[in-house]
């Protein structure tokens, strides 16, 4: 697809500086872009690359507009100024390059669907899908090959489930949910009661609820509740290889990045960002608008509107000070040993009895 720069500007609500009639046929990163491409800069660390790019236009924020103009003067480049360059980039990728998948409507003959289940209109149910008893599948749902859906489940309209995903019984999925391959939803949580010699499995008899417009990556596990609900609120985006344990509640429009783990009964607020590899212990509460840094270990409640980092996680400013000290620990150790040696020498000079000296 080919569009003028002005057409792209109209699409994203930006402002053109340069030639609005220039033709754009694609979008690429700033290092790989060529003539006919539009690229973007959302971080001022990369602003110096703007005079090296071969792109026909660059998306920038108003904050970077003047710097970009000065660097582009020699090449007479073009700018598309947007308040949120990254969002503009996403919209233009969708406009110029993204081809929305089409699905052949119908039910493959190899699919096994219990007669008590209700199937909506215009569904696409691929080969070897299994649907259990008393399950309700909404309109325009797409189930890719080898999806398993247990008894008593509900899938809302326009939901897509990719190959080999498993939904255990009584799982409730909202509308426009995307579940990627090999993800498991509604499996038993890790709950055992010690009996003195071994461990007695605690039955997990609650349910798992995924609200509307949630995306779930590949190889992610979301456990059912012991009692009550494990619930993921609407608009939340969960990356691949995430583990969410029983009775966890995650608020609206939260981001959970790959390799994170959330232990049982933790309550996560809305608009929270949990970066990659973070671990959150059970039975704690994370407020709204919180950011948790990568590979952090959260062991206590976090109030709203805070950024925490480290293991154990601390407010980011405090943890930054800790990191500075950690980097200096080898030198500090050597300095302390030097001081100890000098103290011993001074004690020897003034005749401090050996028995009163601190043992090293």
Protein backbone atom coordinates (compact mmCIF):
# COMPACT_ATOMS: atom_id res chain seq x y z
CA UNK A 1 0.00 0.00 0.00
CA UNK A 2 1.25 3.48 -0.86
CA UNK A 3 0.18 6.70 0.86
CA UNK A 4 1.33 10.30 0.85
CA UNK A 5 2.94 11.67 3.97
CA UNK A 6 -0.07 13.94 4.43
CA UNK A 7 -2.42 10.96 4.33
CA UNK A 8 -0.34 9.27 6.99
CA UNK A 9 -0.41 12.45 9.06
CA UNK A 10 -4.19 12.59 8.83
CA UNK A 11 -4.40 8.95 9.87
CA UNK A 12 -2.39 9.44 13.08
CA UNK A 13 -3.29 13.04 13.85
CA UNK A 14 0.19 14.49 13.27
CA UNK A 15 1.78 17.47 11.56
CA UNK A 16 3.98 17.33 8.44
CA UNK A 17 7.19 19.35 8.23
CA UNK A 18 8.55 19.05 4.71
CA UNK A 19 6.92 17.68 1.58
CA UNK A 20 3.41 16.37 2.34
CA UNK A 21 3.08 14.84 -1.13
CA UNK A 22 6.02 12.45 -0.81
CA UNK A 23 5.00 8.80 -1.31
CA UNK A 24 5.44 6.30 1.53
CA UNK A 25 5.13 2.58 0.88
CA UNK A 26 6.38 1.04 4.12
CA UNK A 27 7.77 1.53 7.61
CA UNK A 28 11.12 0.31 8.94
CA UNK A 29 13.53 0.84 11.82
CA UNK A 30 15.84 3.80 11.52
CA UNK A 31 18.90 1.67 10.64
CA UNK A 32 17.15 -0.36 7.94
CA UNK A 33 14.87 2.20 6.31
CA UNK A 34 15.36 3.26 2.67
CA UNK A 35 13.74 5.68 0.28
CA UNK A 36 9.97 5.27 0.36
CA UNK A 37 10.00 4.21 4.01
CA UNK A 38 8.94 6.14 7.07
CA UNK A 39 10.75 5.48 10.36
CA UNK A 40 10.42 6.81 13.90
CA UNK A 41 12.37 8.02 16.91
CA UNK A 42 10.71 7.88 20.32
CA UNK A 43 13.87 8.09 22.43
CA UNK A 44 16.27 11.05 22.32
CA UNK A 45 19.23 8.64 22.61
CA UNK A 46 18.76 7.84 18.92
CA UNK A 47 18.30 11.38 17.64
CA UNK A 48 21.83 11.48 16.16
CA UNK A 49 20.90 8.65 13.80
CA UNK A 50 18.37 10.84 12.07
CA UNK A 51 20.92 12.37 9.68
CA UNK A 52 22.17 8.87 8.73
CA UNK A 53 18.85 7.31 7.85
CA UNK A 54 17.81 6.87 4.23
CA UNK A 55 14.12 7.01 5.12
CA UNK A 56 11.90 9.47 3.27
CA UNK A 57 10.31 10.65 6.54
CA UNK A 58 10.80 10.33 10.28
CA UNK A 59 8.16 10.33 13.02
CA UNK A 60 9.26 12.41 16.01
CA UNK A 61 7.72 13.97 19.09
CA UNK A 62 7.34 17.76 19.47
CA UNK A 63 10.13 17.61 22.06
CA UNK A 64 12.58 16.26 19.45
CA UNK A 65 11.29 18.37 16.55
CA UNK A 66 13.93 21.13 16.67
CA UNK A 67 16.84 18.73 17.11
CA UNK A 68 15.58 16.60 14.25
CA UNK A 69 15.18 19.60 11.97
CA UNK A 70 18.74 20.77 12.57
CA UNK A 71 20.11 17.31 11.79
CA UNK A 72 17.96 16.96 8.66
CA UNK A 73 18.79 20.33 7.12
CA UNK A 74 21.58 18.95 4.97
CA UNK A 75 19.47 16.11 3.64
CA UNK A 76 16.22 18.08 3.28
CA UNK A 77 14.34 15.30 5.07
CA UNK A 78 10.70 15.22 6.11
CA UNK A 79 9.19 14.95 9.58
CA UNK A 80 5.88 13.71 10.85
CA UNK A 81 5.46 15.28 14.30
CA UNK A 82 3.21 13.32 16.69
CA UNK A 83 2.65 13.51 20.42
CA UNK A 84 3.20 9.75 20.71
CA UNK A 85 5.61 8.53 18.00
CA UNK A 86 5.47 4.92 19.18
CA UNK A 87 1.69 4.84 18.96
CA UNK A 88 1.85 6.49 15.52
CA UNK A 89 4.36 3.84 14.46
CA UNK A 90 1.97 1.07 15.55
CA UNK A 91 -0.94 2.60 13.64
CA UNK A 92 1.12 3.03 10.49
CA UNK A 93 2.42 -0.54 10.61
CA UNK A 94 -1.20 -1.64 10.74
CA UNK A 95 -2.15 0.67 7.88
CA UNK A 96 0.78 0.04 5.52
CA UNK A 97 2.01 -3.48 6.21
CA UNK A 98 -0.32 -5.56 8.36
CA UNK A 99 -2.54 -8.08 6.64
CA UNK A 100 -5.34 -9.13 8.93
CA UNK A 101 -5.70 -12.92 8.92
CA UNK A 102 -8.76 -14.31 7.21
CA UNK A 103 -10.46 -17.39 8.59
CA UNK A 104 -12.51 -19.91 6.68
CA UNK A 105 -15.82 -20.14 8.46
CA UNK A 106 -17.12 -23.52 9.44
CA UNK A 107 -16.39 -26.55 11.59
CA UNK A 108 -13.87 -29.15 10.46
CA UNK A 109 -15.17 -32.70 10.33
CA UNK A 110 -12.39 -33.89 12.66
CA UNK A 111 -13.41 -31.53 15.48
CA UNK A 112 -15.01 -33.27 18.45
CA UNK A 113 -17.81 -31.14 19.92
CA UNK A 114 -20.13 -32.42 22.62
CA UNK A 115 -23.78 -32.21 21.62
CA UNK A 116 -24.63 -30.23 24.76
CA UNK A 117 -22.38 -27.33 23.77
CA UNK A 118 -23.68 -24.21 22.04
CA UNK A 119 -21.74 -22.89 19.04
CA UNK A 120 -22.22 -19.33 17.78
CA UNK A 121 -22.42 -18.02 14.23
CA UNK A 122 -19.57 -17.62 11.73
CA UNK A 123 -17.10 -19.59 13.83
CA UNK A 124 -13.87 -21.11 12.48
CA UNK A 125 -13.18 -24.40 14.24
CA UNK A 126 -10.09 -26.08 12.79
CA UNK A 127 -9.07 -29.76 12.71
CA UNK A 128 -8.88 -31.82 15.90
CA UNK A 129 -10.41 -29.23 18.20
CA UNK A 130 -12.11 -30.71 21.26
CA UNK A 131 -15.00 -28.96 23.02
CA UNK A 132 -16.48 -30.47 26.18
CA UNK A 133 -19.97 -30.57 27.67
CA UNK A 134 -22.15 -27.51 28.26
CA UNK A 135 -19.63 -25.11 26.78
CA UNK A 136 -20.72 -21.93 25.00
CA UNK A 137 -18.72 -20.64 22.03
CA UNK A 138 -19.53 -17.10 20.89
CA UNK A 139 -19.90 -15.64 17.40
CA UNK A 140 -16.87 -15.39 15.09
CA UNK A 141 -14.66 -17.33 17.50
CA UNK A 142 -11.57 -18.90 15.91
CA UNK A 143 -10.18 -22.13 17.35
CA UNK A 144 -6.97 -23.29 15.69
CA UNK A 145 -5.96 -26.97 15.38
CA UNK A 146 -5.70 -29.12 18.50
CA UNK A 147 -7.26 -26.61 20.88
CA UNK A 148 -8.84 -28.30 23.91
CA UNK A 149 -11.77 -26.65 25.71
CA UNK A 150 -13.18 -28.44 28.74
CA UNK A 151 -16.66 -28.73 30.17
CA UNK A 152 -18.68 -25.70 31.20
CA UNK A 153 -16.47 -23.08 29.53
CA UNK A 154 -17.58 -19.82 27.94
CA UNK A 155 -15.77 -18.02 25.09
CA UNK A 156 -16.99 -14.57 24.10
CA UNK A 157 -17.43 -13.20 20.59
CA UNK A 158 -14.38 -12.64 18.35
CA UNK A 159 -12.00 -14.55 20.62
CA UNK A 160 -9.06 -16.33 18.96
CA UNK A 161 -7.32 -19.38 20.45
CA UNK A 162 -4.14 -20.55 18.73
CA UNK A 163 -2.96 -24.18 18.32
CA UNK A 164 -2.51 -26.52 21.28
CA UNK A 165 -3.89 -24.13 23.88
CA UNK A 166 -5.82 -25.77 26.73
CA UNK A 167 -8.78 -24.34 28.63
CA UNK A 168 -9.72 -26.46 31.62
CA UNK A 169 -13.32 -26.85 32.70
CA UNK A 170 -15.37 -23.85 33.90
CA UNK A 171 -13.01 -21.29 32.38
CA UNK A 172 -14.71 -18.05 31.35
CA UNK A 173 -13.20 -16.06 28.48
CA UNK A 174 -14.53 -12.64 27.46
CA UNK A 175 -14.85 -10.98 24.07
CA UNK A 176 -11.95 -10.23 21.70
CA UNK A 177 -9.49 -12.24 23.76
CA UNK A 178 -6.36 -13.62 22.08
CA UNK A 179 -4.77 -16.77 23.53
CA UNK A 180 -1.54 -17.91 21.89
CA UNK A 181 -0.19 -21.42 21.39
CA UNK A 182 0.46 -23.85 24.24
CA UNK A 183 -1.03 -21.61 26.88
CA UNK A 184 -2.92 -23.32 29.70
CA UNK A 185 -5.78 -21.61 31.50
CA UNK A 186 -7.64 -23.04 34.48
CA UNK A 187 -5.15 -25.70 35.55
CA UNK A 188 -4.84 -26.58 39.24
CA UNK A 189 -2.79 -24.25 41.40
CA UNK A 190 0.20 -25.45 43.41
CA UNK A 191 -1.53 -26.16 46.69
CA UNK A 192 -0.57 -28.96 49.12
CA UNK A 193 -1.18 -29.48 52.84
CA UNK A 194 1.61 -31.30 54.71
CA UNK A 195 0.36 -34.33 56.64
CA UNK A 196 3.58 -35.02 58.53
CA UNK A 197 5.09 -37.43 56.05
CA UNK A 198 3.92 -36.29 52.63
CA UNK A 199 1.70 -33.62 51.04
CA UNK A 200 -2.06 -33.77 50.58
CA UNK A 201 -3.31 -32.17 47.37
CA UNK A 202 -5.74 -29.33 48.07
CA UNK A 203 -8.60 -29.57 45.55
CA UNK A 204 -8.79 -26.49 43.35
CA UNK A 205 -12.52 -25.95 42.86
CA UNK A 206 -12.67 -22.28 41.84
CA UNK A 207 -12.73 -20.82 38.33
CA UNK A 208 -10.61 -18.68 36.03
CA UNK A 209 -12.08 -15.55 34.44
CA UNK A 210 -10.44 -13.65 31.58
CA UNK A 211 -12.30 -10.43 30.78
CA UNK A 212 -12.66 -8.64 27.43
CA UNK A 213 -9.75 -7.51 25.24
CA UNK A 214 -7.07 -9.47 27.08
CA UNK A 215 -4.06 -10.81 25.14
CA UNK A 216 -2.17 -13.84 26.46
CA UNK A 217 1.15 -14.94 24.96
CA UNK A 218 2.44 -18.43 24.23
CA UNK A 219 3.38 -20.97 26.92
CA UNK A 220 1.72 -19.02 29.72
CA UNK A 221 -0.09 -20.66 32.63
CA UNK A 222 -3.00 -19.14 34.53
CA UNK A 223 -4.24 -21.33 37.40
CA UNK A 224 -7.81 -21.69 38.54
CA UNK A 225 -8.75 -20.55 42.04
CA UNK A 226 -8.74 -22.83 45.07
CA UNK A 227 -12.10 -21.27 45.95
CA UNK A 228 -13.66 -18.30 44.21
CA UNK A 229 -11.93 -16.76 41.18
CA UNK A 230 -8.64 -16.14 39.50
CA UNK A 231 -9.43 -13.07 37.43
CA UNK A 232 -7.67 -11.05 34.72
CA UNK A 233 -9.45 -7.74 34.18
CA UNK A 234 -10.21 -6.24 30.78
CA UNK A 235 -7.51 -4.81 28.56
CA UNK A 236 -4.61 -6.53 30.32
CA UNK A 237 -1.76 -7.83 28.16
CA UNK A 238 0.21 -10.88 29.31
CA UNK A 239 3.42 -11.92 27.58
CA UNK A 240 4.68 -15.43 26.86
CA UNK A 241 6.08 -17.73 29.57
CA UNK A 242 4.28 -16.11 32.48
CA UNK A 243 2.90 -18.00 35.49
CA UNK A 244 -0.14 -16.60 37.31
CA UNK A 245 -1.16 -18.64 40.33
CA UNK A 246 -4.49 -19.43 41.98
CA UNK A 247 -6.75 -16.62 43.22
CA UNK A 248 -4.61 -13.88 41.70
CA UNK A 249 -6.47 -10.76 40.60
CA UNK A 250 -4.94 -8.48 37.96
CA UNK A 251 -6.53 -5.09 37.31
CA UNK A 252 -7.46 -3.44 34.04
CA UNK A 253 -4.90 -2.52 31.37
CA UNK A 254 -1.94 -4.03 33.17
CA UNK A 255 1.18 -5.30 31.38
CA UNK A 256 2.87 -8.52 32.52
CA UNK A 257 6.12 -9.19 30.68
CA UNK A 258 7.73 -12.54 29.87
CA UNK A 259 9.09 -14.88 32.58
CA UNK A 260 7.27 -13.09 35.39
CA UNK A 261 5.63 -15.09 38.15
CA UNK A 262 2.79 -14.05 40.45
CA UNK A 263 2.12 -16.25 43.47
CA UNK A 264 -1.27 -17.15 44.85
CA UNK A 265 -3.80 -14.59 46.08
CA UNK A 266 -1.70 -11.56 45.07
CA UNK A 267 -3.82 -8.56 44.08
CA UNK A 268 -2.45 -6.40 41.25
CA UNK A 269 -3.94 -2.98 40.51
CA UNK A 270 -4.78 -1.40 37.18
CA UNK A 271 -2.29 0.17 34.77
CA UNK A 272 0.56 -1.74 36.42
CA UNK A 273 3.70 -2.72 34.50
CA UNK A 274 5.48 -5.89 35.65
CA UNK A 275 8.76 -6.11 33.74
CA UNK A 276 10.43 -9.31 32.56
CA UNK A 277 11.51 -11.90 35.11
CA UNK A 278 9.87 -10.20 38.09
CA UNK A 279 8.57 -12.36 40.93
CA UNK A 280 5.70 -11.39 43.22
CA UNK A 281 5.01 -13.35 46.39
CA UNK A 282 1.52 -14.36 47.36
CA UNK A 283 -1.04 -12.56 49.52
CA UNK A 284 0.27 -9.05 48.86
CA UNK A 285 -1.31 -6.07 47.17
CA UNK A 286 0.14 -3.91 44.38
CA UNK A 287 -1.53 -0.54 43.88
CA UNK A 288 -2.56 1.19 40.65
CA UNK A 289 -0.07 2.75 38.21
CA UNK A 290 2.88 0.84 39.69
CA UNK A 291 5.99 -0.12 37.71
CA UNK A 292 8.04 -3.13 38.84
CA UNK A 293 11.49 -3.38 37.27
CA UNK A 294 12.88 -6.44 35.53
CA UNK A 295 13.96 -9.39 37.72
CA UNK A 296 12.70 -7.66 40.83
CA UNK A 297 11.50 -9.67 43.82
CA UNK A 298 8.40 -8.15 45.40
CA UNK A 299 7.83 -9.37 48.96
CA UNK A 300 5.70 -6.57 50.44
CA UNK A 301 2.73 -4.43 49.44
CA UNK A 302 3.45 -1.55 47.05
CA UNK A 303 1.33 1.62 47.20
CA UNK A 304 -0.09 3.20 44.05
CA UNK A 305 1.94 5.41 41.70
CA UNK A 306 5.34 3.98 42.70
CA UNK A 307 8.27 2.41 40.83
CA UNK A 308 10.08 -0.44 42.57
CA UNK A 309 13.27 -2.25 41.58
CA UNK A 310 15.61 -4.94 42.87
CA UNK A 311 15.48 -8.05 45.03
CA UNK A 312 13.98 -7.46 47.46
CA UNK A 313 12.21 -4.69 45.57
CA UNK A 314 12.67 -1.18 46.97
CA UNK A 315 11.62 2.27 45.74
CA UNK A 316 13.70 2.95 42.65
CA UNK A 317 15.65 5.92 44.00
CA UNK A 318 16.71 3.98 47.08
CA UNK A 319 17.62 0.90 45.05
CA UNK A 320 19.74 3.00 42.68
CA UNK A 321 21.75 4.19 45.68
CA UNK A 322 22.13 0.56 46.77
CA UNK A 323 23.42 -0.41 43.33
CA UNK A 324 26.06 2.32 43.50
CA UNK A 325 27.24 0.91 46.85
CA UNK A 326 27.19 -2.68 45.56
CA UNK A 327 29.47 -1.73 42.67
CA UNK A 328 31.97 -0.26 45.15
CA UNK A 329 31.94 -3.18 47.60
CA UNK A 330 35.29 -4.74 46.46
CA UNK A 331 37.11 -1.42 46.91
CA UNK A 332 35.33 -0.80 50.22
CA UNK A 333 36.42 -4.24 51.46
CA UNK A 334 40.03 -3.53 50.57
CA UNK A 335 39.84 -0.13 52.26
CA UNK A 336 38.38 -1.64 55.45
CA UNK A 337 41.16 -4.24 55.55
CA UNK A 338 43.70 -1.43 55.21
CA UNK A 339 42.06 0.48 58.07
CA UNK A 340 42.04 -2.63 60.26
CA UNK A 341 45.75 -3.13 59.62
CA UNK A 342 46.52 0.48 60.51
CA UNK A 343 44.46 0.20 63.72
CA UNK A 344 46.42 -2.88 64.78
CA UNK A 345 49.68 -1.07 64.12
CA UNK A 346 48.55 1.91 66.22
CA UNK A 347 47.44 -0.39 69.04
CA UNK A 348 50.84 -2.07 69.00
CA UNK A 349 52.56 1.32 69.29
CA UNK A 350 50.52 2.48 72.27
CA UNK A 351 50.74 -0.88 73.98
CA UNK A 352 47.16 -2.10 73.91
CA UNK A 353 47.17 -5.59 75.49
CA UNK A 354 46.74 -8.38 72.94
CA UNK A 355 43.77 -9.87 74.77
CA UNK A 356 41.72 -6.70 74.28
CA UNK A 357 42.17 -6.60 70.54
CA UNK A 358 39.19 -7.63 68.46
CA UNK A 359 39.67 -11.00 66.85
CA UNK A 360 39.74 -10.84 63.06
